[in-house]
Every structure is written in structure tokens, then in C-alpha cells.
C-alpha atoms as a PDB file:
ATOM      1  CA  MET A   1      77.175 202.452 137.828  1.00  0.00           C
ATOM      2  CA  ASP A   2      76.768 199.221 139.690  1.00  0.00           C
ATOM      3  CA  LYS A   3      75.740 197.573 136.475  1.00  0.00           C
ATOM      4  CA  ASN A   4      78.865 198.693 134.722  1.00  0.00           C
ATOM      5  CA  ILE A   5      80.978 197.630 137.630  1.00  0.00           C
ATOM      6  CA  ASN A   6      79.322 194.209 137.656  1.00  0.00           C
ATOM      7  CA  SER A   7      79.705 193.817 133.885  1.00  0.00           C
ATOM      8  CA  ASN A   8      83.321 194.799 133.955  1.00  0.00           C
ATOM      9  CA  SER A   9      83.912 192.572 136.937  1.00  0.00           C
ATOM     10  CA  PHE A  10      82.453 189.596 135.048  1.00  0.00           C
ATOM     11  CA  MET A  11      84.580 190.330 132.006  1.00  0.00           C
ATOM     12  CA  ASN A  12      87.655 190.821 134.094  1.00  0.00           C
ATOM     13  CA  SER A  13      86.902 187.617 135.960  1.00  0.00           C
ATOM     14  CA  GLU A  14      86.643 185.554 132.729  1.00  0.00           C
ATOM     15  CA  ASP A  15      89.742 187.155 131.229  1.00  0.00           C
ATOM     16  CA  SER A  16      91.677 186.511 134.388  1.00  0.00           C
ATOM     17  CA  ASN A  17      90.778 182.716 134.341  1.00  0.00           C
ATOM     18  CA  ILE A  18      94.008 181.289 132.965  1.00  0.00           C
ATOM     19  CA  TYR A  19      92.458 177.784 132.840  1.00  0.00           C
ATOM     20  CA  ALA A  20      89.460 178.715 130.638  1.00  0.00           C
ATOM     21  CA  LEU A  21      91.070 177.629 127.311  1.00  0.00           C
ATOM     22  CA  SER A  22      93.261 175.014 128.940  1.00  0.00           C
ATOM     23  CA  ILE A  23      90.221 173.020 130.104  1.00  0.00           C
ATOM     24  CA  GLY A  24      88.875 172.959 126.553  1.00  0.00           C
ATOM     25  CA  ASP A  25      92.256 171.902 125.244  1.00  0.00           C
ATOM     26  CA  ALA A  26      92.444 169.248 127.909  1.00  0.00           C
ATOM     27  CA  MET A  27      89.025 167.903 126.952  1.00  0.00           C
ATOM     28  CA  ALA A  28      90.055 167.825 123.303  1.00  0.00           C
ATOM     29  CA  GLY A  29      93.323 166.180 124.273  1.00  0.00           C
ATOM     30  CA  MET A  30      91.494 163.597 126.340  1.00  0.00           C
ATOM     31  CA  MET A  31      89.235 162.845 123.402  1.00  0.00           C
ATOM     32  CA  LEU A  32      92.294 162.497 121.150  1.00  0.00           C
ATOM     33  CA  ILE A  33      93.941 160.172 123.661  1.00  0.00           C
ATOM     34  CA  LEU A  34      90.797 158.061 123.892  1.00  0.00           C
ATOM     35  CA  ILE A  35      90.592 157.861 120.105  1.00  0.00           C
ATOM     36  CA  MET A  36      94.250 156.905 119.872  1.00  0.00           C
ATOM     37  CA  ALA A  37      93.787 154.297 122.591  1.00  0.00           C
ATOM     38  CA  PHE A  38      90.813 152.854 120.726  1.00  0.00           C
ATOM     39  CA  VAL A  39      92.840 152.738 117.500  1.00  0.00           C
ATOM     40  CA  ALA A  40      95.723 151.056 119.310  1.00  0.00           C
ATOM     41  CA  ILE A  41      93.402 148.451 120.817  1.00  0.00           C
ATOM     42  CA  PHE A  42      91.797 147.866 117.416  1.00  0.00           C
ATOM     43  CA  LEU A  43      95.194 147.421 115.788  1.00  0.00           C
ATOM     44  CA  GLN A  44      96.088 144.855 118.443  1.00  0.00           C
ATOM     45  CA  VAL A  45      92.774 143.026 118.101  1.00  0.00           C
ATOM     46  CA  LYS A  46      92.976 142.865 114.290  1.00  0.00           C
ATOM     47  CA  PRO A  47      96.096 140.678 114.155  1.00  0.00           C
ATOM     48  CA  ALA A  48      94.527 138.457 116.804  1.00  0.00           C
ATOM     49  CA  LEU A  49      91.450 138.053 114.638  1.00  0.00           C
ATOM     50  CA  GLU A  50      93.616 137.313 111.624  1.00  0.00           C
ATOM     51  CA  GLN A  51      95.600 134.837 113.685  1.00  0.00           C
ATOM     52  CA  ASN A  52      92.394 133.085 114.752  1.00  0.00           C
ATOM     53  CA  LYS A  53      91.369 132.947 111.104  1.00  0.00           C
ATOM     54  CA  GLU A  54      94.707 131.425 110.139  1.00  0.00           C
ATOM     55  CA  ILE A  55      94.413 128.873 112.948  1.00  0.00           C
ATOM     56  CA  ALA A  56      90.925 127.949 111.764  1.00  0.00           C
ATOM     57  CA  GLU A  57      92.174 127.592 108.181  1.00  0.00           C
ATOM     58  CA  LEU A  58      95.101 125.466 109.355  1.00  0.00           C
ATOM     59  CA  LYS A  59      92.767 123.193 111.331  1.00  0.00           C
ATOM     60  CA  GLU A  60      90.609 122.771 108.233  1.00  0.00           C
ATOM     61  CA  LYS A  61      93.674 121.890 106.124  1.00  0.00           C
ATOM     62  CA  ILE A  62      94.792 119.363 108.731  1.00  0.00           C
ATOM     63  CA  LYS A  63      91.326 117.853 108.692  1.00  0.00           C
ATOM     64  CA  LEU A  64      91.361 117.615 104.891  1.00  0.00           C
ATOM     65  CA  SER A  65      94.860 116.098 104.922  1.00  0.00           C
ATOM     66  CA  LYS A  66      93.737 113.560 107.504  1.00  0.00           C
ATOM     67  CA  ASN A  67      90.729 112.657 105.377  1.00  0.00           C
ATOM     68  CA  GLU A  68      92.935 112.221 102.304  1.00  0.00           C
ATOM     69  CA  ALA A  69      95.368 110.073 104.294  1.00  0.00           C
ATOM     70  CA  GLN A  70      92.509 107.902 105.557  1.00  0.00           C
ATOM     71  CA  LYS A  71      91.194 107.508 102.005  1.00  0.00           C
ATOM     72  CA  TYR A  72      94.674 106.554 100.817  1.00  0.00           C
ATOM     73  CA  PHE A  73      95.219 103.908 103.499  1.00  0.00           C
ATOM     74  CA  SER A  74      91.740 102.533 102.923  1.00  0.00           C
ATOM     75  CA  MET A  75      92.355 102.302  99.167  1.00  0.00           C
ATOM     76  CA  LYS A  76      95.819 100.839  99.752  1.00  0.00           C
ATOM     77  CA  LYS A  77      94.361  98.071 101.908  1.00  0.00           C
ATOM     78  CA  GLU A  78      91.680  97.429  99.325  1.00  0.00           C
ATOM     79  CA  ILE A  79      94.236  97.113  96.501  1.00  0.00           C
ATOM     80  CA  TYR A  80      96.409  94.788  98.586  1.00  0.00           C
ATOM     81  CA  ASN A  81      93.469  92.504  99.343  1.00  0.00           C
ATOM     82  CA  ALA A  82      92.464  92.490  95.674  1.00  0.00           C
ATOM     83  CA  LEU A  83      95.998  91.529  94.599  1.00  0.00           C
ATOM     84  CA  VAL A  84      96.195  88.756  97.178  1.00  0.00           C
ATOM     85  CA  ALA A  85      92.792  87.414  96.146  1.00  0.00           C
ATOM     86  CA  GLU A  86      93.881  87.347  92.495  1.00  0.00           C
ATOM     87  CA  PHE A  87      97.394  85.933  92.843  1.00  0.00           C
ATOM     88  CA  ASP A  88      97.573  84.023  96.132  1.00  0.00           C
ATOM     89  CA  SER A  89      97.644  80.623  94.411  1.00  0.00           C
ATOM     90  CA  ASP A  90     100.424  81.727  92.010  1.00  0.00           C
ATOM     91  CA  LEU A  91     102.889  83.381  94.373  1.00  0.00           C
ATOM     92  CA  LYS A  92     104.764  80.235  95.373  1.00  0.00           C
ATOM     93  CA  THR A  93     104.981  78.952  91.785  1.00  0.00           C
ATOM     94  CA  TRP A  94     106.341  82.283  90.560  1.00  0.00           C
ATOM     95  CA  ASN A  95     108.597  82.799  93.579  1.00  0.00           C
ATOM     96  CA  ALA A  96     106.779  86.073  94.106  1.00  0.00           C
ATOM     97  CA  ARG A  97     105.347  88.031  97.004  1.00  0.00           C
ATOM     98  CA  ILE A  98     103.296  91.169  97.623  1.00  0.00           C
ATOM     99  CA  ASP A  99     104.541  93.805 100.046  1.00  0.00           C
ATOM    100  CA  GLU A 100     101.589  95.019 102.084  1.00  0.00           C
ATOM    101  CA  ASN A 101     103.284  98.299 103.025  1.00  0.00           C
ATOM    102  CA  THR A 102     104.404  99.387  99.554  1.00  0.00           C
ATOM    103  CA  LEU A 103     101.999  97.341  97.378  1.00  0.00           C
ATOM    104  CA  ALA A 104     105.064  96.170  95.436  1.00  0.00           C
ATOM    105  CA  PHE A 105     104.566  92.926  93.521  1.00  0.00           C
ATOM    106  CA  ILE A 106     108.024  91.361  93.816  1.00  0.00           C
ATOM    107  CA  LEU A 107     109.206  88.773  91.291  1.00  0.00           C
ATOM    108  CA  GLU A 108     112.434  87.267  92.535  1.00  0.00           C
ATOM    109  CA  ASN A 109     115.025  86.226  90.008  1.00  0.00           C
ATOM    110  CA  SER A 110     115.989  82.768  91.298  1.00  0.00           C
ATOM    111  CA  ASN A 111     113.346  80.618  89.579  1.00  0.00           C
ATOM    112  CA  ASN A 112     112.218  82.398  86.456  1.00  0.00           C
ATOM    113  CA  GLY A 113     114.140  85.644  86.031  1.00  0.00           C
ATOM    114  CA  PHE A 114     116.925  86.963  83.833  1.00  0.00           C
ATOM    115  CA  LYS A 115     120.123  85.091  83.162  1.00  0.00           C
ATOM    116  CA  GLN A 116     123.263  86.446  84.778  1.00  0.00           C
ATOM    117  CA  GLY A 117     124.345  89.729  83.195  1.00  0.00           C
ATOM    118  CA  SER A 118     121.573  89.575  80.565  1.00  0.00           C
ATOM    119  CA  ALA A 119     118.599  91.842  79.867  1.00  0.00           C
ATOM    120  CA  GLU A 120     116.929  89.379  77.506  1.00  0.00           C
ATOM    121  CA  ILE A 121     113.693  87.960  78.907  1.00  0.00           C
ATOM    122  CA  PRO A 122     114.040  84.150  79.165  1.00  0.00           C
ATOM    123  CA  ASN A 123     111.213  81.873  78.027  1.00  0.00           C
ATOM    124  CA  GLU A 124     110.088  80.955  81.556  1.00  0.00           C
ATOM    125  CA  PHE A 125     109.833  84.602  82.574  1.00  0.00           C
ATOM    126  CA  ASN A 126     108.081  85.418  79.303  1.00  0.00           C
ATOM    127  CA  VAL A 127     105.379  82.835  80.056  1.00  0.00           C
ATOM    128  CA  MET A 128     104.990  84.117  83.587  1.00  0.00           C
ATOM    129  CA  LEU A 129     104.652  87.738  82.438  1.00  0.00           C
ATOM    130  CA  ASN A 130     101.954  86.721  79.965  1.00  0.00           C
ATOM    131  CA  GLN A 131     100.011  85.149  82.830  1.00  0.00           C
ATOM    132  CA  PHE A 132     100.687  87.910  85.332  1.00  0.00           C
ATOM    133  CA  VAL A 133     100.440  91.240  83.493  1.00  0.00           C
ATOM    134  CA  PRO A 134      96.841  91.115  82.121  1.00  0.00           C
ATOM    135  CA  ARG A 135      95.481  90.103  85.533  1.00  0.00           C
ATOM    136  CA  TYR A 136      97.593  92.688  87.344  1.00  0.00           C
ATOM    137  CA  ILE A 137      96.386  95.460  85.027  1.00  0.00           C
ATOM    138  CA  HIS A 138      92.804  94.275  85.457  1.00  0.00           C
ATOM    139  CA  VAL A 139      93.065  94.595  89.250  1.00  0.00           C
ATOM    140  CA  ILE A 140      94.741  98.003  89.455  1.00  0.00           C
ATOM    141  CA  SER A 141      92.727  99.543  86.589  1.00  0.00           C
ATOM    142  CA  LYS A 142      89.743  99.633  88.934  1.00  0.00           C
ATOM    143  CA  TYR A 143      91.619 102.419  90.752  1.00  0.00           C
ATOM    144  CA  GLN A 144      93.031 104.131  87.669  1.00  0.00           C
ATOM    145  CA  GLU A 145      91.617 107.547  88.543  1.00  0.00           C
ATOM    146  CA  HIS A 146      93.908 107.547  91.589  1.00  0.00           C
ATOM    147  CA  ILE A 147      97.016 106.046  89.957  1.00  0.00           C
ATOM    148  CA  ASN A 148      99.704 108.410  88.681  1.00  0.00           C
ATOM    149  CA  GLU A 149     102.321 105.824  87.755  1.00  0.00           C
ATOM    150  CA  ILE A 150     102.798 102.105  87.197  1.00  0.00           C
ATOM    151  CA  ARG A 151     106.455 101.415  87.929  1.00  0.00           C
ATOM    152  CA  ILE A 152     108.582  98.563  86.648  1.00  0.00           C
ATOM    153  CA  GLU A 153     111.700  98.446  88.818  1.00  0.00           C
ATOM    154  CA  GLY A 154     114.837  96.478  88.013  1.00  0.00           C
ATOM    155  CA  HIS A 155     117.006  95.572  91.021  1.00  0.00           C
ATOM    156  CA  THR A 156     120.381  93.827  91.276  1.00  0.00           C
ATOM    157  CA  SER A 157     122.648  92.515  93.990  1.00  0.00           C
ATOM    158  CA  SER A 158     125.689  94.567  94.982  1.00  0.00           C
ATOM    159  CA  GLU A 159     128.323  92.583  93.091  1.00  0.00           C
ATOM    160  CA  TRP A 160     129.081  92.360  89.377  1.00  0.00           C
ATOM    161  CA  SER A 161     129.839  88.794  88.311  1.00  0.00           C
ATOM    162  CA  ASP A 162     132.926  89.551  86.194  1.00  0.00           C
ATOM    163  CA  ASN A 163     134.412  91.686  88.945  1.00  0.00           C
ATOM    164  CA  VAL A 164     133.950  89.484  92.020  1.00  0.00           C
ATOM    165  CA  ALA A 165     137.474  88.032  92.027  1.00  0.00           C
ATOM    166  CA  LYS A 166     139.050  91.434  91.470  1.00  0.00           C
ATOM    167  CA  CYS A 167     137.050  93.149  94.199  1.00  0.00           C
ATOM    168  CA  ILE A 168     138.089  91.004  97.149  1.00  0.00           C
ATOM    169  CA  GLY A 169     138.663  93.571  99.859  1.00  0.00           C
ATOM    170  CA  SER A 170     135.685  95.645  98.714  1.00  0.00           C
ATOM    171  CA  SER A 171     137.542  98.766  97.605  1.00  0.00           C
ATOM    172  CA  GLU A 172     135.457 101.843  96.944  1.00  0.00           C
ATOM    173  CA  SER A 173     136.471 101.965  93.282  1.00  0.00           C
ATOM    174  CA  CYS A 174     135.254  98.390  92.780  1.00  0.00           C
ATOM    175  CA  LYS A 175     131.939  99.150  94.471  1.00  0.00           C
ATOM    176  CA  GLN A 176     131.430 102.176  92.254  1.00  0.00           C
ATOM    177  CA  THR A 177     132.258 100.216  89.103  1.00  0.00           C
ATOM    178  CA  ASP A 178     129.846  97.437  90.104  1.00  0.00           C
ATOM    179  CA  TYR A 179     127.108  99.936  90.929  1.00  0.00           C
ATOM    180  CA  ILE A 180     127.354 101.672  87.551  1.00  0.00           C
ATOM    181  CA  LYS A 181     127.370  98.388  85.608  1.00  0.00           C
ATOM    182  CA  ASN A 182     124.400  97.111  87.589  1.00  0.00           C
ATOM    183  CA  MET A 183     122.560 100.391  87.000  1.00  0.00           C
ATOM    184  CA  ALA A 184     122.810  99.894  83.245  1.00  0.00           C
ATOM    185  CA  LEU A 185     121.779  96.239  83.569  1.00  0.00           C
ATOM    186  CA  SER A 186     118.794  96.939  85.838  1.00  0.00           C
ATOM    187  CA  GLN A 187     117.575  99.724  83.547  1.00  0.00           C
ATOM    188  CA  ALA A 188     117.909  97.464  80.498  1.00  0.00           C
ATOM    189  CA  ARG A 189     115.920  94.719  82.235  1.00  0.00           C
ATOM    190  CA  ALA A 190     113.167  97.113  83.265  1.00  0.00           C
ATOM    191  CA  MET A 191     112.994  98.383  79.685  1.00  0.00           C
ATOM    192  CA  SER A 192     112.774  94.804  78.366  1.00  0.00           C
ATOM    193  CA  VAL A 193     109.762  94.159  80.585  1.00  0.00           C
ATOM    194  CA  LEU A 194     108.158  97.471  79.579  1.00  0.00           C
ATOM    195  CA  ASN A 195     108.588  96.704  75.873  1.00  0.00           C
ATOM    196  CA  HIS A 196     107.156  93.232  76.375  1.00  0.00           C
ATOM    197  CA  ILE A 197     104.056  94.625  78.095  1.00  0.00           C
ATOM    198  CA  LEU A 198     103.424  97.267  75.447  1.00  0.00           C
ATOM    199  CA  ARG A 199     103.624  94.618  72.717  1.00  0.00           C
ATOM    200  CA  MET A 200     101.092  92.345  74.413  1.00  0.00           C
ATOM    201  CA  LYS A 201      97.925  92.042  72.326  1.00  0.00           C
ATOM    202  CA  ASN A 202      95.630  91.175  75.237  1.00  0.00           C
ATOM    203  CA  ASN A 203      96.747  94.211  77.237  1.00  0.00           C
ATOM    204  CA  GLU A 204      93.618  95.651  78.848  1.00  0.00           C
ATOM    205  CA  ASN A 205      93.389  99.451  78.924  1.00  0.00           C
ATOM    206  CA  ARG A 206      96.357  99.749  76.560  1.00  0.00           C
ATOM    207  CA  ILE A 207      96.239 103.543  76.222  1.00  0.00           C
ATOM    208  CA  TRP A 208      96.002 104.117  79.970  1.00  0.00           C
ATOM    209  CA  VAL A 209      98.798 101.634  80.665  1.00  0.00           C
ATOM    210  CA  ARG A 210     101.098 103.273  78.110  1.00  0.00           C
ATOM    211  CA  ALA A 211     100.483 106.674  79.694  1.00  0.00           C
ATOM    212  CA  LYS A 212     101.340 105.457  83.200  1.00  0.00           C
ATOM    213  CA  LEU A 213     103.997 102.777  82.674  1.00  0.00           C
ATOM    214  CA  THR A 214     107.636 103.624  83.477  1.00  0.00           C
ATOM    215  CA  ALA A 215     110.886 101.623  83.564  1.00  0.00           C
ATOM    216  CA  ASN A 216     113.243 102.295  86.462  1.00  0.00           C
ATOM    217  CA  GLY A 217     116.666 100.731  86.898  1.00  0.00           C
ATOM    218  CA  LEU A 218     117.799 101.004  90.516  1.00  0.00           C
ATOM    219  CA  SER A 219     120.993  98.924  90.504  1.00  0.00           C
ATOM    220  CA  SER A 220     121.850  97.810  94.056  1.00  0.00           C
ATOM    221  CA  SER A 221     120.348 100.863  95.771  1.00  0.00           C
ATOM    222  CA  HIS A 222     117.558  98.812  97.390  1.00  0.00           C
ATOM    223  CA  LEU A 223     119.268  95.663  98.622  1.00  0.00           C
ATOM    224  CA  LEU A 224     117.439  93.019 100.628  1.00  0.00           C
ATOM    225  CA  CYS A 225     119.014  91.325 103.639  1.00  0.00           C
ATOM    226  CA  GLY A 226     118.600  88.158 105.652  1.00  0.00           C
ATOM    227  CA  VAL A 227     116.140  85.312 105.294  1.00  0.00           C
ATOM    228  CA  GLU A 228     113.351  87.820 105.958  1.00  0.00           C
ATOM    229  CA  LYS A 229     114.285  89.595 102.701  1.00  0.00           C
ATOM    230  CA  LYS A 230     113.849  92.992 104.305  1.00  0.00           C
ATOM    231  CA  PRO A 231     115.515  96.219 103.089  1.00  0.00           C
ATOM    232  CA  CYS A 232     119.092  96.425 104.328  1.00  0.00           C
ATOM    233  CA  ALA A 233     119.727  99.131 106.918  1.00  0.00           C
ATOM    234  CA  ASN A 234     122.644 101.394 105.988  1.00  0.00           C
ATOM    235  CA  ASP A 235     123.733 101.870 109.586  1.00  0.00           C
ATOM    236  CA  VAL A 236     123.721  98.178 110.500  1.00  0.00           C
ATOM    237  CA  LEU A 237     126.095  95.505 109.238  1.00  0.00           C
ATOM    238  CA  GLN A 238     123.779  92.927 107.670  1.00  0.00           C
ATOM    239  CA  GLN A 239     124.185  89.964 105.403  1.00  0.00           C
ATOM    240  CA  GLU A 240     122.950  90.789 101.916  1.00  0.00           C
ATOM    241  CA  ASN A 241     120.534  88.273 100.431  1.00  0.00           C
ATOM    242  CA  ARG A 242     121.853  88.369  96.892  1.00  0.00           C
ATOM    243  CA  GLU A 243     119.242  86.060  95.401  1.00  0.00           C
ATOM    244  CA  ALA A 244     116.397  88.120  96.857  1.00  0.00           C
ATOM    245  CA  SER A 245     118.081  91.384  95.824  1.00  0.00           C
ATOM    246  CA  ARG A 246     118.031  90.301  92.159  1.00  0.00           C
ATOM    247  CA  ARG A 247     114.413  90.981  91.275  1.00  0.00           C
ATOM    248  CA  VAL A 248     111.817  92.836  89.237  1.00  0.00           C
ATOM    249  CA  GLU A 249     109.104  94.772  91.051  1.00  0.00           C
ATOM    250  CA  PHE A 250     105.786  96.166  89.894  1.00  0.00           C
ATOM    251  CA  SER A 251     104.417  98.986  91.995  1.00  0.00           C
ATOM    252  CA  ILE A 252     102.046 101.927  91.729  1.00  0.00           C
ATOM    253  CA  ARG A 253     102.163 105.569  92.766  1.00  0.00           C
ATOM    254  CA  THR A 254      98.840 107.148  93.687  1.00  0.00           C
ATOM    255  CA  ASP A 255      97.632 110.752  93.728  1.00  0.00           C
ATOM    256  CA  ALA A 256      97.477 110.838  97.539  1.00  0.00           C
ATOM    257  CA  GLU A 257     100.788 112.671  97.882  1.00  0.00           C
ATOM    258  CA  THR A 258      99.746 115.209  95.248  1.00  0.00           C
ATOM    259  CA  LYS A 259      96.416 115.918  96.930  1.00  0.00           C
ATOM    260  CA  ILE A 260      98.001 116.382 100.346  1.00  0.00           C
ATOM    261  CA  ALA A 261     100.641 118.705  98.832  1.00  0.00           C
ATOM    262  CA  GLU A 262      97.901 120.779  97.209  1.00  0.00           C
ATOM    263  CA  ILE A 263      96.138 121.118 100.566  1.00  0.00           C
END
């Protein structure tokens, strides 16, 4: 009798515990909350890890870009020194100069260049080109794996000789007419020089030169000012150096920009 009473009492006691299942549910709920918290933390940590990876990759790209820039400036200095060593004794005779910043070999028009309004290479300039071009190609060909383009640039002053008297007052229509005429003239002059070079029999590395050589007429878009013959600033009223602005330039474009863009 006591046994039955005790057994029933135990059963009644367990049945009457309203928290018996709730505790289990709570434990399961706590486990679910912990799992969800862990997932949430993991999801927050993952972007951080990816961000750190991206930062590391960016640092590596910056390092590579810096290395490429250092190589470019080192090569640029080397080419400049090589050009100066080769042509230093000729620059004054040819009325030429080498721009250290751009590596442009600038042949001014005053002593040996084109006649006014003409694209035909005069005899003096023809002789000078025959002396200059083979040596110039010899110097830069040592860096041919890094050179994407050899540019011949034709430049003019801002005025057009036949239009000077009519354009007193500098109207916009006159400036536009002069610019267009000078564009055609500068392009024709650059093409004359290109044709002359390609016809030269003693042209070293002929195939490579033909693949890289371009003619570029720039009209009066790159004027030079003052006795320093520096590029004119658009926002400053300066005195154009017309003699210096009339010129032919040889310059090169390297693969440095391409490599940095790829990085």
C-alpha cells in the first residue's frame, strides 16, 4: 500500500512539474542561441578577413607599382645621359636641346628647319637628319624592349603667316582658322620627316623602327614661352616664343604606363 502510494506520489509529482519540459526546451533554445551567436560572429569575422586580404593585396600592388616607377625613372635617367653623351657636341650647331623631364629631342626651326608654310625638308635639315637619326636610333634601340612608340612631333607657332594682318585683334574665328591650318602643316612636316627616315639606307633596326615610328602634327597646342622656352601656361598671360614654338621633336613612349595600369 505504501509502495503504491509512493509510486503514485512520484508519478504525480513529475506530472505536476510544469517546468520539466520547459527546462529542456530552454536548454535547446540556449544551444540554438549560442549556435546563432557563433554564426553571427563568424559572418562578421569573415568580411574582416577578406578585408585584410584585400588590404594585403593592395599593399603588394602598390609595392609593385612603386618598383615599376623606380625602374622607369632609372631607365629614363639612363636614356637621358646616353643621349647627352652622344649629342652634346652637336646641340649648339643644330640649335637643338634635350628635355630631361620628357626625353624629347627638340630641333628648333630657326637655323635648319622648314621654310615658312612649307612641309618640304630643306637641304640643311636633310643633312642634319642624316647625321642625327642613325645615332639617335642606335642609342634608344638599346632599350627597345621597353619602348612602345617613337614619336615625331610637328609643332607650330600660334599665327598663320598669310593671316597675321587680318587677325589683328585676335578674334576667335581667326585663331581657329590659324589652328586648323597649322594642324595640317605640322602633320605634313611630321610625315615628311617620317618618310625621310624610312627611306634611309643606313637605318639601323629598320623593321623595329618602322613598327614604332609615328608622325604627330600638334599645331600650336604646345606653345613655348619666354627666353626659357618653357611650355606656356594657359592660365597665365605669357609672351609666346614663336621661334622656339616652331620645331620638330623626337620622343619615346615606354611601357611603364602599361605595366602600372596592368598592376
